[in-house]
Amino acid sequence: PLLIESLTRAGALSKTGRSLPFDANRDGFVVGEGGGAVILETESH
């Protein structure tokens, strides 16, 4: 609620609950969550 309330007041979040990147009808982003990982190495290793 802290994040959502703050971002809503800042006008950053979509009030329609839709994420429409580069679309003419976009009205902000939608909060997402998750994780990602990659293993980086030197080529020789």
PDB file of all heavy atoms in Angstrom:
ATOM      1  N   PRO A   1       0.816  -1.219   0.000  1.00  0.00           N
ATOM      2  CA  PRO A   1       0.000   0.000   0.000  1.00  0.00           C
ATOM      3  C   PRO A   1       0.849   1.269   0.000  1.00  0.00           C
ATOM      4  O   PRO A   1       0.471   2.267  -0.614  1.00  0.00           O
ATOM      5  CB  PRO A   1      -0.804  -0.114   1.295  1.00  0.00           C
ATOM      6  CG  PRO A   1      -0.822  -1.571   1.615  1.00  0.00           C
ATOM      7  CD  PRO A   1       0.480  -2.108   1.122  1.00  0.00           C
ATOM      8  N   LEU A   2       2.000   1.234   0.661  1.00  0.00           N
ATOM      9  CA  LEU A   2       2.877   2.404   0.693  1.00  0.00           C
ATOM     10  C   LEU A   2       3.324   2.796  -0.710  1.00  0.00           C
ATOM     11  O   LEU A   2       3.245   3.963  -1.108  1.00  0.00           O
ATOM     12  CB  LEU A   2       4.112   2.109   1.558  1.00  0.00           C
ATOM     13  CG  LEU A   2       3.896   1.926   3.056  1.00  0.00           C
ATOM     14  CD1 LEU A   2       5.183   1.439   3.710  1.00  0.00           C
ATOM     15  CD2 LEU A   2       3.424   3.213   3.704  1.00  0.00           C
ATOM     16  N   LEU A   3       3.806   1.803  -1.454  1.00  0.00           N
ATOM     17  CA  LEU A   3       4.294   2.068  -2.805  1.00  0.00           C
ATOM     18  C   LEU A   3       3.154   2.472  -3.729  1.00  0.00           C
ATOM     19  O   LEU A   3       3.255   3.448  -4.484  1.00  0.00           O
ATOM     20  CB  LEU A   3       4.993   0.832  -3.357  1.00  0.00           C
ATOM     21  CG  LEU A   3       5.558   0.992  -4.773  1.00  0.00           C
ATOM     22  CD1 LEU A   3       6.813   1.852  -4.751  1.00  0.00           C
ATOM     23  CD2 LEU A   3       5.855  -0.369  -5.393  1.00  0.00           C
ATOM     24  N   ILE A   4       2.077   1.719  -3.681  1.00  0.00           N
ATOM     25  CA  ILE A   4       0.962   1.968  -4.594  1.00  0.00           C
ATOM     26  C   ILE A   4       0.336   3.334  -4.344  1.00  0.00           C
ATOM     27  O   ILE A   4       0.042   4.084  -5.285  1.00  0.00           O
ATOM     28  CB  ILE A   4      -0.083   0.836  -4.482  1.00  0.00           C
ATOM     29  CG1 ILE A   4       0.513  -0.473  -5.023  1.00  0.00           C
ATOM     30  CG2 ILE A   4      -1.370   1.195  -5.228  1.00  0.00           C
ATOM     31  CD1 ILE A   4      -0.340  -1.687  -4.772  1.00  0.00           C
ATOM     32  N   GLU A   5       0.158   3.686  -3.077  1.00  0.00           N
ATOM     33  CA  GLU A   5      -0.430   4.997  -2.752  1.00  0.00           C
ATOM     34  C   GLU A   5       0.487   6.125  -3.229  1.00  0.00           C
ATOM     35  O   GLU A   5       0.035   7.107  -3.827  1.00  0.00           O
ATOM     36  CB  GLU A   5      -0.654   5.097  -1.241  1.00  0.00           C
ATOM     37  CG  GLU A   5      -1.174   6.442  -0.761  1.00  0.00           C
ATOM     38  CD  GLU A   5      -2.644   6.681  -1.066  1.00  0.00           C
ATOM     39  OE1 GLU A   5      -3.303   5.750  -1.583  1.00  0.00           O
ATOM     40  OE2 GLU A   5      -3.126   7.795  -0.812  1.00  0.00           O
ATOM     41  N   SER A   6       1.767   5.994  -2.988  1.00  0.00           N
ATOM     42  CA  SER A   6       2.710   7.037  -3.381  1.00  0.00           C
ATOM     43  C   SER A   6       2.769   7.196  -4.896  1.00  0.00           C
ATOM     44  O   SER A   6       2.708   8.316  -5.422  1.00  0.00           O
ATOM     45  CB  SER A   6       4.103   6.723  -2.831  1.00  0.00           C
ATOM     46  OG  SER A   6       5.042   7.685  -3.251  1.00  0.00           O
ATOM     47  N   LEU A   7       2.903   6.087  -5.611  1.00  0.00           N
ATOM     48  CA  LEU A   7       3.003   6.155  -7.068  1.00  0.00           C
ATOM     49  C   LEU A   7       1.691   6.607  -7.705  1.00  0.00           C
ATOM     50  O   LEU A   7       1.696   7.255  -8.753  1.00  0.00           O
ATOM     51  CB  LEU A   7       3.426   4.798  -7.629  1.00  0.00           C
ATOM     52  CG  LEU A   7       4.866   4.372  -7.329  1.00  0.00           C
ATOM     53  CD1 LEU A   7       5.121   2.958  -7.837  1.00  0.00           C
ATOM     54  CD2 LEU A   7       5.869   5.348  -7.955  1.00  0.00           C
ATOM     55  N   THR A   8       0.573   6.272  -7.074  1.00  0.00           N
ATOM     56  CA  THR A   8      -0.724   6.746  -7.582  1.00  0.00           C
ATOM     57  C   THR A   8      -0.792   8.265  -7.477  1.00  0.00           C
ATOM     58  O   THR A   8      -1.196   8.958  -8.424  1.00  0.00           O
ATOM     59  CB  THR A   8      -1.880   6.112  -6.795  1.00  0.00           C
ATOM     60  OG1 THR A   8      -1.842   4.685  -6.949  1.00  0.00           O
ATOM     61  CG2 THR A   8      -3.225   6.619  -7.308  1.00  0.00           C
ATOM     62  N   ARG A   9      -0.375   8.801  -6.342  1.00  0.00           N
ATOM     63  CA  ARG A   9      -0.399  10.254  -6.141  1.00  0.00           C
ATOM     64  C   ARG A   9       0.591  10.965  -7.053  1.00  0.00           C
ATOM     65  O   ARG A   9       0.382  12.128  -7.433  1.00  0.00           O
ATOM     66  CB  ARG A   9      -0.131  10.588  -4.676  1.00  0.00           C
ATOM     67  CG  ARG A   9      -1.288  10.216  -3.762  1.00  0.00           C
ATOM     68  CD  ARG A   9      -1.019  10.614  -2.325  1.00  0.00           C
ATOM     69  NE  ARG A   9      -2.180  10.347  -1.477  1.00  0.00           N
ATOM     70  CZ  ARG A   9      -3.195  11.176  -1.310  1.00  0.00           C
ATOM     71  NH1 ARG A   9      -3.211  12.346  -1.939  1.00  0.00           N
ATOM     72  NH2 ARG A   9      -4.207  10.863  -0.525  1.00  0.00           N
ATOM     73  N   ALA A  10       1.643  10.258  -7.418  1.00  0.00           N
ATOM     74  CA  ALA A  10       2.618  10.837  -8.348  1.00  0.00           C
ATOM     75  C   ALA A  10       2.149  10.775  -9.795  1.00  0.00           C
ATOM     76  O   ALA A  10       2.789  11.341 -10.686  1.00  0.00           O
ATOM     77  CB  ALA A  10       3.955  10.102  -8.210  1.00  0.00           C
ATOM     78  N   GLY A  11       1.036  10.066 -10.040  1.00  0.00           N
ATOM     79  CA  GLY A  11       0.496   9.947 -11.385  1.00  0.00           C
ATOM     80  C   GLY A  11       1.234   8.948 -12.256  1.00  0.00           C
ATOM     81  O   GLY A  11       1.101   8.967 -13.486  1.00  0.00           O
ATOM     82  N   ALA A  12       1.987   8.043 -11.622  1.00  0.00           N
ATOM     83  CA  ALA A  12       2.800   7.102 -12.399  1.00  0.00           C
ATOM     84  C   ALA A  12       2.080   5.804 -12.733  1.00  0.00           C
ATOM     85  O   ALA A  12       2.418   5.138 -13.717  1.00  0.00           O
ATOM     86  CB  ALA A  12       4.088   6.773 -11.638  1.00  0.00           C
ATOM     87  N   LEU A  13       1.091   5.426 -11.922  1.00  0.00           N
ATOM     88  CA  LEU A  13       0.444   4.128 -12.105  1.00  0.00           C
ATOM     89  C   LEU A  13      -0.782   4.207 -12.995  1.00  0.00           C
ATOM     90  O   LEU A  13      -1.492   5.220 -13.033  1.00  0.00           O
ATOM     91  CB  LEU A  13       0.030   3.536 -10.747  1.00  0.00           C
ATOM     92  CG  LEU A  13       1.137   3.142  -9.781  1.00  0.00           C
ATOM     93  CD1 LEU A  13       0.541   2.413  -8.586  1.00  0.00           C
ATOM     94  CD2 LEU A  13       2.183   2.272 -10.461  1.00  0.00           C
ATOM     95  N   SER A  14      -1.033   3.101 -13.681  1.00  0.00           N
ATOM     96  CA  SER A  14      -2.219   3.000 -14.533  1.00  0.00           C
ATOM     97  C   SER A  14      -3.475   2.889 -13.671  1.00  0.00           C
ATOM     98  O   SER A  14      -3.580   1.992 -12.824  1.00  0.00           O
ATOM     99  CB  SER A  14      -2.109   1.762 -15.435  1.00  0.00           C
ATOM    100  OG  SER A  14      -3.349   1.491 -16.054  1.00  0.00           O
ATOM    101  N   LYS A  15      -4.411   3.776 -13.886  1.00  0.00           N
ATOM    102  CA  LYS A  15      -5.675   3.709 -13.154  1.00  0.00           C
ATOM    103  C   LYS A  15      -6.601   2.659 -13.742  1.00  0.00           C
ATOM    104  O   LYS A  15      -7.543   2.201 -13.087  1.00  0.00           O
ATOM    105  CB  LYS A  15      -6.356   5.083 -13.156  1.00  0.00           C
ATOM    106  CG  LYS A  15      -5.594   6.151 -12.367  1.00  0.00           C
ATOM    107  CD  LYS A  15      -6.333   7.478 -12.392  1.00  0.00           C
ATOM    108  CE  LYS A  15      -5.645   8.521 -11.515  1.00  0.00           C
ATOM    109  NZ  LYS A  15      -4.262   8.804 -11.954  1.00  0.00           N
ATOM    110  N   THR A  16      -6.346   2.258 -14.997  1.00  0.00           N
ATOM    111  CA  THR A  16      -7.174   1.235 -15.629  1.00  0.00           C
ATOM    112  C   THR A  16      -6.682  -0.178 -15.311  1.00  0.00           C
ATOM    113  O   THR A  16      -7.353  -1.149 -15.630  1.00  0.00           O
ATOM    114  CB  THR A  16      -7.162   1.413 -17.161  1.00  0.00           C
ATOM    115  OG1 THR A  16      -5.824   1.213 -17.652  1.00  0.00           O
ATOM    116  CG2 THR A  16      -7.642   2.804 -17.548  1.00  0.00           C
ATOM    117  N   GLY A  17      -5.496  -0.275 -14.691  1.00  0.00           N
ATOM    118  CA  GLY A  17      -4.948  -1.589 -14.384  1.00  0.00           C
ATOM    119  C   GLY A  17      -4.416  -2.304 -15.607  1.00  0.00           C
ATOM    120  O   GLY A  17      -4.314  -3.527 -15.625  1.00  0.00           O
ATOM    121  N   ARG A  18      -4.052  -1.543 -16.656  1.00  0.00           N
ATOM    122  CA  ARG A  18      -3.501  -2.151 -17.867  1.00  0.00           C
ATOM    123  C   ARG A  18      -2.131  -1.542 -18.155  1.00  0.00           C
ATOM    124  O   ARG A  18      -1.926  -0.349 -17.989  1.00  0.00           O
ATOM    125  CB  ARG A  18      -4.424  -1.913 -19.062  1.00  0.00           C
ATOM    126  CG  ARG A  18      -5.819  -2.518 -18.918  1.00  0.00           C
ATOM    127  CD  ARG A  18      -6.632  -2.294 -20.186  1.00  0.00           C
ATOM    128  NE  ARG A  18      -6.797  -0.871 -20.477  1.00  0.00           N
ATOM    129  CZ  ARG A  18      -7.162  -0.388 -21.666  1.00  0.00           C
ATOM    130  NH1 ARG A  18      -7.385  -1.223 -22.684  1.00  0.00           N
ATOM    131  NH2 ARG A  18      -7.305   0.914 -21.848  1.00  0.00           N
ATOM    132  N   SER A  19      -1.214  -2.370 -18.599  1.00  0.00           N
ATOM    133  CA  SER A  19       0.099  -1.905 -18.995  1.00  0.00           C
ATOM    134  C   SER A  19       0.173  -1.933 -20.514  1.00  0.00           C
ATOM    135  O   SER A  19       0.152  -3.008 -21.121  1.00  0.00           O
ATOM    136  CB  SER A  19       1.196  -2.795 -18.399  1.00  0.00           C
ATOM    137  OG  SER A  19       2.471  -2.369 -18.828  1.00  0.00           O
ATOM    138  N   LEU A  20       0.258  -0.746 -21.123  1.00  0.00           N
ATOM    139  CA  LEU A  20       0.173  -0.622 -22.580  1.00  0.00           C
ATOM    140  C   LEU A  20       1.388   0.140 -23.117  1.00  0.00           C
ATOM    141  O   LEU A  20       1.279   1.299 -23.530  1.00  0.00           O
ATOM    142  CB  LEU A  20      -1.114   0.120 -22.966  1.00  0.00           C
ATOM    143  CG  LEU A  20      -2.427  -0.369 -22.337  1.00  0.00           C
ATOM    144  CD1 LEU A  20      -3.581   0.556 -22.719  1.00  0.00           C
ATOM    145  CD2 LEU A  20      -2.725  -1.795 -22.748  1.00  0.00           C
ATOM    146  N   PRO A  21       2.549  -0.478 -23.136  1.00  0.00           N
ATOM    147  CA  PRO A  21       3.752   0.243 -23.573  1.00  0.00           C
ATOM    148  C   PRO A  21       3.621   0.785 -24.992  1.00  0.00           C
ATOM    149  O   PRO A  21       3.182   0.075 -25.907  1.00  0.00           O
ATOM    150  CB  PRO A  21       4.848  -0.832 -23.501  1.00  0.00           C
ATOM    151  CG  PRO A  21       4.327  -1.850 -22.541  1.00  0.00           C
ATOM    152  CD  PRO A  21       2.848  -1.862 -22.741  1.00  0.00           C
ATOM    153  N   PHE A  22       3.967   2.043 -25.172  1.00  0.00           N
ATOM    154  CA  PHE A  22       3.997   2.728 -26.460  1.00  0.00           C
ATOM    155  C   PHE A  22       2.620   2.820 -27.126  1.00  0.00           C
ATOM    156  O   PHE A  22       2.513   3.207 -28.291  1.00  0.00           O
ATOM    157  CB  PHE A  22       5.004   2.074 -27.410  1.00  0.00           C
ATOM    158  CG  PHE A  22       6.398   2.024 -26.858  1.00  0.00           C
ATOM    159  CD1 PHE A  22       6.971   0.816 -26.470  1.00  0.00           C
ATOM    160  CD2 PHE A  22       7.136   3.185 -26.708  1.00  0.00           C
ATOM    161  CE1 PHE A  22       8.266   0.775 -25.947  1.00  0.00           C
ATOM    162  CE2 PHE A  22       8.431   3.157 -26.185  1.00  0.00           C
ATOM    163  CZ  PHE A  22       8.996   1.943 -25.803  1.00  0.00           C
ATOM    164  N   ASP A  23       1.587   2.481 -26.413  1.00  0.00           N
ATOM    165  CA  ASP A  23       0.228   2.517 -26.957  1.00  0.00           C
ATOM    166  C   ASP A  23      -0.377   3.909 -26.765  1.00  0.00           C
ATOM    167  O   ASP A  23      -0.095   4.598 -25.775  1.00  0.00           O
ATOM    168  CB  ASP A  23      -0.642   1.467 -26.252  1.00  0.00           C
ATOM    169  CG  ASP A  23      -1.976   1.261 -26.931  1.00  0.00           C
ATOM    170  OD1 ASP A  23      -2.928   2.014 -26.619  1.00  0.00           O
ATOM    171  OD2 ASP A  23      -2.075   0.348 -27.764  1.00  0.00           O
ATOM    172  N   ALA A  24      -1.233   4.300 -27.691  1.00  0.00           N
ATOM    173  CA  ALA A  24      -1.863   5.618 -27.623  1.00  0.00           C
ATOM    174  C   ALA A  24      -2.737   5.775 -26.386  1.00  0.00           C
ATOM    175  O   ALA A  24      -2.985   6.897 -25.924  1.00  0.00           O
ATOM    176  CB  ALA A  24      -2.698   5.856 -28.881  1.00  0.00           C
ATOM    177  N   ASN A  25      -3.219   4.666 -25.828  1.00  0.00           N
ATOM    178  CA  ASN A  25      -4.129   4.715 -24.682  1.00  0.00           C
ATOM    179  C   ASN A  25      -3.443   4.418 -23.354  1.00  0.00           C
ATOM    180  O   ASN A  25      -4.124   4.231 -22.339  1.00  0.00           O
ATOM    181  CB  ASN A  25      -5.274   3.724 -24.907  1.00  0.00           C
ATOM    182  CG  ASN A  25      -6.093   4.064 -26.134  1.00  0.00           C
ATOM    183  OD1 ASN A  25      -6.621   5.173 -26.248  1.00  0.00           O
ATOM    184  ND2 ASN A  25      -6.184   3.140 -27.072  1.00  0.00           N
ATOM    185  N   ARG A  26      -2.127   4.390 -23.326  1.00  0.00           N
ATOM    186  CA  ARG A  26      -1.432   4.069 -22.076  1.00  0.00           C
ATOM    187  C   ARG A  26      -1.695   5.158 -21.036  1.00  0.00           C
ATOM    188  O   ARG A  26      -1.858   6.337 -21.365  1.00  0.00           O
ATOM    189  CB  ARG A  26       0.069   3.920 -22.327  1.00  0.00           C
ATOM    190  CG  ARG A  26       0.781   5.212 -22.681  1.00  0.00           C
ATOM    191  CD  ARG A  26       2.212   4.937 -23.151  1.00  0.00           C
ATOM    192  NE  ARG A  26       2.945   6.182 -23.394  1.00  0.00           N
ATOM    193  CZ  ARG A  26       2.813   6.934 -24.471  1.00  0.00           C
ATOM    194  NH1 ARG A  26       1.950   6.589 -25.429  1.00  0.00           N
ATOM    195  NH2 ARG A  26       3.523   8.042 -24.604  1.00  0.00           N
ATOM    196  N   ASP A  27      -1.724   4.749 -19.777  1.00  0.00           N
ATOM    197  CA  ASP A  27      -1.978   5.731 -18.715  1.00  0.00           C
ATOM    198  C   ASP A  27      -1.111   5.474 -17.481  1.00  0.00           C
ATOM    199  O   ASP A  27      -1.456   5.874 -16.379  1.00  0.00           O
ATOM    200  CB  ASP A  27      -3.460   5.748 -18.329  1.00  0.00           C
ATOM    201  CG  ASP A  27      -3.915   4.489 -17.601  1.00  0.00           C
ATOM    202  OD1 ASP A  27      -3.270   3.423 -17.782  1.00  0.00           O
ATOM    203  OD2 ASP A  27      -4.888   4.557 -16.834  1.00  0.00           O
ATOM    204  N   GLY A  28       0.025   4.794 -17.673  1.00  0.00           N
ATOM    205  CA  GLY A  28       0.922   4.559 -16.552  1.00  0.00           C
ATOM    206  C   GLY A  28       1.323   3.107 -16.440  1.00  0.00           C
ATOM    207  O   GLY A  28       0.814   2.237 -17.148  1.00  0.00           O
ATOM    208  N   PHE A  29       2.236   2.846 -15.515  1.00  0.00           N
ATOM    209  CA  PHE A  29       2.710   1.463 -15.390  1.00  0.00           C
ATOM    210  C   PHE A  29       1.959   0.697 -14.314  1.00  0.00           C
ATOM    211  O   PHE A  29       1.214   1.263 -13.512  1.00  0.00           O
ATOM    212  CB  PHE A  29       4.228   1.414 -15.182  1.00  0.00           C
ATOM    213  CG  PHE A  29       4.750   1.831 -13.825  1.00  0.00           C
ATOM    214  CD1 PHE A  29       4.784   0.937 -12.764  1.00  0.00           C
ATOM    215  CD2 PHE A  29       5.273   3.110 -13.626  1.00  0.00           C
ATOM    216  CE1 PHE A  29       5.310   1.301 -11.531  1.00  0.00           C
ATOM    217  CE2 PHE A  29       5.812   3.487 -12.401  1.00  0.00           C
ATOM    218  CZ  PHE A  29       5.824   2.576 -11.342  1.00  0.00           C
ATOM    219  N   VAL A  30       2.142  -0.607 -14.331  1.00  0.00           N
ATOM    220  CA  VAL A  30       1.536  -1.506 -13.361  1.00  0.00           C
ATOM    221  C   VAL A  30       2.656  -2.140 -12.548  1.00  0.00           C
ATOM    222  O   VAL A  30       3.645  -2.627 -13.110  1.00  0.00           O
ATOM    223  CB  VAL A  30       0.700  -2.602 -14.062  1.00  0.00           C
ATOM    224  CG1 VAL A  30       0.192  -3.630 -13.055  1.00  0.00           C
ATOM    225  CG2 VAL A  30      -0.472  -1.967 -14.819  1.00  0.00           C
ATOM    226  N   VAL A  31       2.518  -2.140 -11.240  1.00  0.00           N
ATOM    227  CA  VAL A  31       3.537  -2.727 -10.379  1.00  0.00           C
ATOM    228  C   VAL A  31       3.639  -4.228 -10.646  1.00  0.00           C
ATOM    229  O   VAL A  31       2.630  -4.943 -10.689  1.00  0.00           O
ATOM    230  CB  VAL A  31       3.203  -2.481  -8.891  1.00  0.00           C
ATOM    231  CG1 VAL A  31       4.166  -3.249  -7.986  1.00  0.00           C
ATOM    232  CG2 VAL A  31       3.257  -0.991  -8.578  1.00  0.00           C
ATOM    233  N   GLY A  32       4.865  -4.703 -10.842  1.00  0.00           N
ATOM    234  CA  GLY A  32       5.124  -6.125 -11.002  1.00  0.00           C
ATOM    235  C   GLY A  32       6.116  -6.588  -9.965  1.00  0.00           C
ATOM    236  O   GLY A  32       6.644  -5.795  -9.178  1.00  0.00           O
ATOM    237  N   GLU A  33       6.385  -7.877  -9.949  1.00  0.00           N
ATOM    238  CA  GLU A  33       7.344  -8.430  -8.990  1.00  0.00           C
ATOM    239  C   GLU A  33       7.981  -9.674  -9.580  1.00  0.00           C
ATOM    240  O   GLU A  33       7.530 -10.205 -10.601  1.00  0.00           O
ATOM    241  CB  GLU A  33       6.653  -8.766  -7.672  1.00  0.00           C
ATOM    242  CG  GLU A  33       5.572  -9.837  -7.803  1.00  0.00           C
ATOM    243  CD  GLU A  33       5.003 -10.285  -6.459  1.00  0.00           C
ATOM    244  OE1 GLU A  33       5.285  -9.636  -5.437  1.00  0.00           O
ATOM    245  OE2 GLU A  33       4.276 -11.300  -6.446  1.00  0.00           O
ATOM    246  N   GLY A  34       9.035 -10.145  -8.942  1.00  0.00           N
ATOM    247  CA  GLY A  34       9.683 -11.365  -9.402  1.00  0.00           C
ATOM    248  C   GLY A  34      11.177 -11.328  -9.183  1.00  0.00           C
ATOM    249  O   GLY A  34      11.707 -10.482  -8.445  1.00  0.00           O
ATOM    250  N   GLY A  35      11.863 -12.251  -9.838  1.00  0.00           N
ATOM    251  CA  GLY A  35      13.310 -12.345  -9.700  1.00  0.00           C
ATOM    252  C   GLY A  35      13.947 -12.822 -10.984  1.00  0.00           C
ATOM    253  O   GLY A  35      13.297 -13.449 -11.830  1.00  0.00           O
ATOM    254  N   GLY A  36      15.217 -12.526 -11.128  1.00  0.00           N
ATOM    255  CA  GLY A  36      15.975 -12.981 -12.288  1.00  0.00           C
ATOM    256  C   GLY A  36      17.418 -13.191 -11.907  1.00  0.00           C
ATOM    257  O   GLY A  36      17.908 -12.635 -10.916  1.00  0.00           O
ATOM    258  N   ALA A  37      18.125 -14.017 -12.676  1.00  0.00           N
ATOM    259  CA  ALA A  37      19.535 -14.276 -12.401  1.00  0.00           C
ATOM    260  C   ALA A  37      20.245 -14.706 -13.675  1.00  0.00           C
ATOM    261  O   ALA A  37      19.647 -15.364 -14.538  1.00  0.00           O
ATOM    262  CB  ALA A  37      19.694 -15.355 -11.330  1.00  0.00           C
ATOM    263  N   VAL A  38      21.504 -14.328 -13.786  1.00  0.00           N
ATOM    264  CA  VAL A  38      22.372 -14.824 -14.853  1.00  0.00           C
ATOM    265  C   VAL A  38      23.738 -15.139 -14.256  1.00  0.00           C
ATOM    266  O   VAL A  38      24.155 -14.531 -13.264  1.00  0.00           O
ATOM    267  CB  VAL A  38      22.545 -13.815 -16.019  1.00  0.00           C
ATOM    268  CG1 VAL A  38      21.248 -13.622 -16.776  1.00  0.00           C
ATOM    269  CG2 VAL A  38      23.082 -12.479 -15.516  1.00  0.00           C
ATOM    270  N   ILE A  39      24.409 -16.095 -14.849  1.00  0.00           N
ATOM    271  CA  ILE A  39      25.778 -16.432 -14.467  1.00  0.00           C
ATOM    272  C   ILE A  39      26.711 -15.830 -15.501  1.00  0.00           C
ATOM    273  O   ILE A  39      26.622 -16.155 -16.693  1.00  0.00           O
ATOM    274  CB  ILE A  39      26.001 -17.956 -14.394  1.00  0.00           C
ATOM    275  CG1 ILE A  39      24.940 -18.628 -13.513  1.00  0.00           C
ATOM    276  CG2 ILE A  39      27.416 -18.257 -13.898  1.00  0.00           C
ATOM    277  CD1 ILE A  39      24.901 -18.144 -12.082  1.00  0.00           C
ATOM    278  N   LEU A  40      27.580 -14.933 -15.047  1.00  0.00           N
ATOM    279  CA  LEU A  40      28.587 -14.318 -15.904  1.00  0.00           C
ATOM    280  C   LEU A  40      29.937 -14.986 -15.650  1.00  0.00           C
ATOM    281  O   LEU A  40      30.286 -15.255 -14.494  1.00  0.00           O
ATOM    282  CB  LEU A  40      28.726 -12.820 -15.605  1.00  0.00           C
ATOM    283  CG  LEU A  40      27.488 -11.926 -15.687  1.00  0.00           C
ATOM    284  CD1 LEU A  40      27.888 -10.483 -15.389  1.00  0.00           C
ATOM    285  CD2 LEU A  40      26.826 -12.033 -17.038  1.00  0.00           C
ATOM    286  N   GLU A  41      30.682 -15.208 -16.712  1.00  0.00           N
ATOM    287  CA  GLU A  41      32.024 -15.776 -16.570  1.00  0.00           C
ATOM    288  C   GLU A  41      32.956 -15.175 -17.611  1.00  0.00           C
ATOM    289  O   GLU A  41      32.511 -14.688 -18.655  1.00  0.00           O
ATOM    290  CB  GLU A  41      32.004 -17.299 -16.783  1.00  0.00           C
ATOM    291  CG  GLU A  41      31.160 -18.083 -15.807  1.00  0.00           C
ATOM    292  CD  GLU A  41      31.298 -19.584 -16.004  1.00  0.00           C
ATOM    293  OE1 GLU A  41      32.440 -20.105 -15.933  1.00  0.00           O
ATOM    294  OE2 GLU A  41      30.266 -20.246 -16.242  1.00  0.00           O
ATOM    295  N   THR A  42      34.245 -15.231 -17.316  1.00  0.00           N
ATOM    296  CA  THR A  42      35.202 -14.966 -18.376  1.00  0.00           C
ATOM    297  C   THR A  42      35.144 -16.142 -19.347  1.00  0.00           C
ATOM    298  O   THR A  42      34.843 -17.279 -18.962  1.00  0.00           O
ATOM    299  CB  THR A  42      36.626 -14.838 -17.829  1.00  0.00           C
ATOM    300  OG1 THR A  42      37.002 -16.058 -17.187  1.00  0.00           O
ATOM    301  CG2 THR A  42      36.727 -13.683 -16.836  1.00  0.00           C
ATOM    302  N   GLU A  43      35.411 -15.856 -20.607  1.00  0.00           N
ATOM    303  CA  GLU A  43      35.351 -16.910 -21.615  1.00  0.00           C
ATOM    304  C   GLU A  43      36.305 -18.048 -21.286  1.00  0.00           C
ATOM    305  O   GLU A  43      35.926 -19.229 -21.398  1.00  0.00           O
ATOM    306  CB  GLU A  43      35.694 -16.319 -22.986  1.00  0.00           C
ATOM    307  CG  GLU A  43      35.631 -17.344 -24.124  1.00  0.00           C
ATOM    308  CD  GLU A  43      36.107 -16.758 -25.440  1.00  0.00           C
ATOM    309  OE1 GLU A  43      37.055 -15.941 -25.437  1.00  0.00           O
ATOM    310  OE2 GLU A  43      35.541 -17.107 -26.489  1.00  0.00           O
ATOM    311  N   SER A  44      37.507 -17.724 -20.852  1.00  0.00           N
ATOM    312  CA  SER A  44      38.486 -18.777 -20.574  1.00  0.00           C
ATOM    313  C   SER A  44      38.032 -19.673 -19.434  1.00  0.00           C
ATOM    314  O   SER A  44      38.232 -20.892 -19.469  1.00  0.00           O
ATOM    315  CB  SER A  44      39.851 -18.159 -20.251  1.00  0.00           C
ATOM    316  OG  SER A  44      39.774 -17.313 -19.118  1.00  0.00           O
ATOM    317  N   HIS A  45      37.405 -19.090 -18.421  1.00  0.00           N
ATOM    318  CA  HIS A  45      36.931 -19.893 -17.295  1.00  0.00           C
ATOM    319  C   HIS A  45      35.797 -20.818 -17.734  1.00  0.00           C
ATOM    320  O   HIS A  45      35.764 -22.002 -17.373  1.00  0.00           O
ATOM    321  CB  HIS A  45      36.459 -18.983 -16.167  1.00  0.00           C
ATOM    322  CG  HIS A  45      36.090 -19.721 -14.912  1.00  0.00           C
ATOM    323  ND1 HIS A  45      34.794 -20.072 -14.608  1.00  0.00           N
ATOM    324  CD2 HIS A  45      36.857 -20.192 -13.896  1.00  0.00           C
ATOM    325  CE1 HIS A  45      34.768 -20.708 -13.450  1.00  0.00           C
ATOM    326  NE2 HIS A  45      36.015 -20.787 -12.992  1.00  0.00           N
TER     327      HIS A  45
END
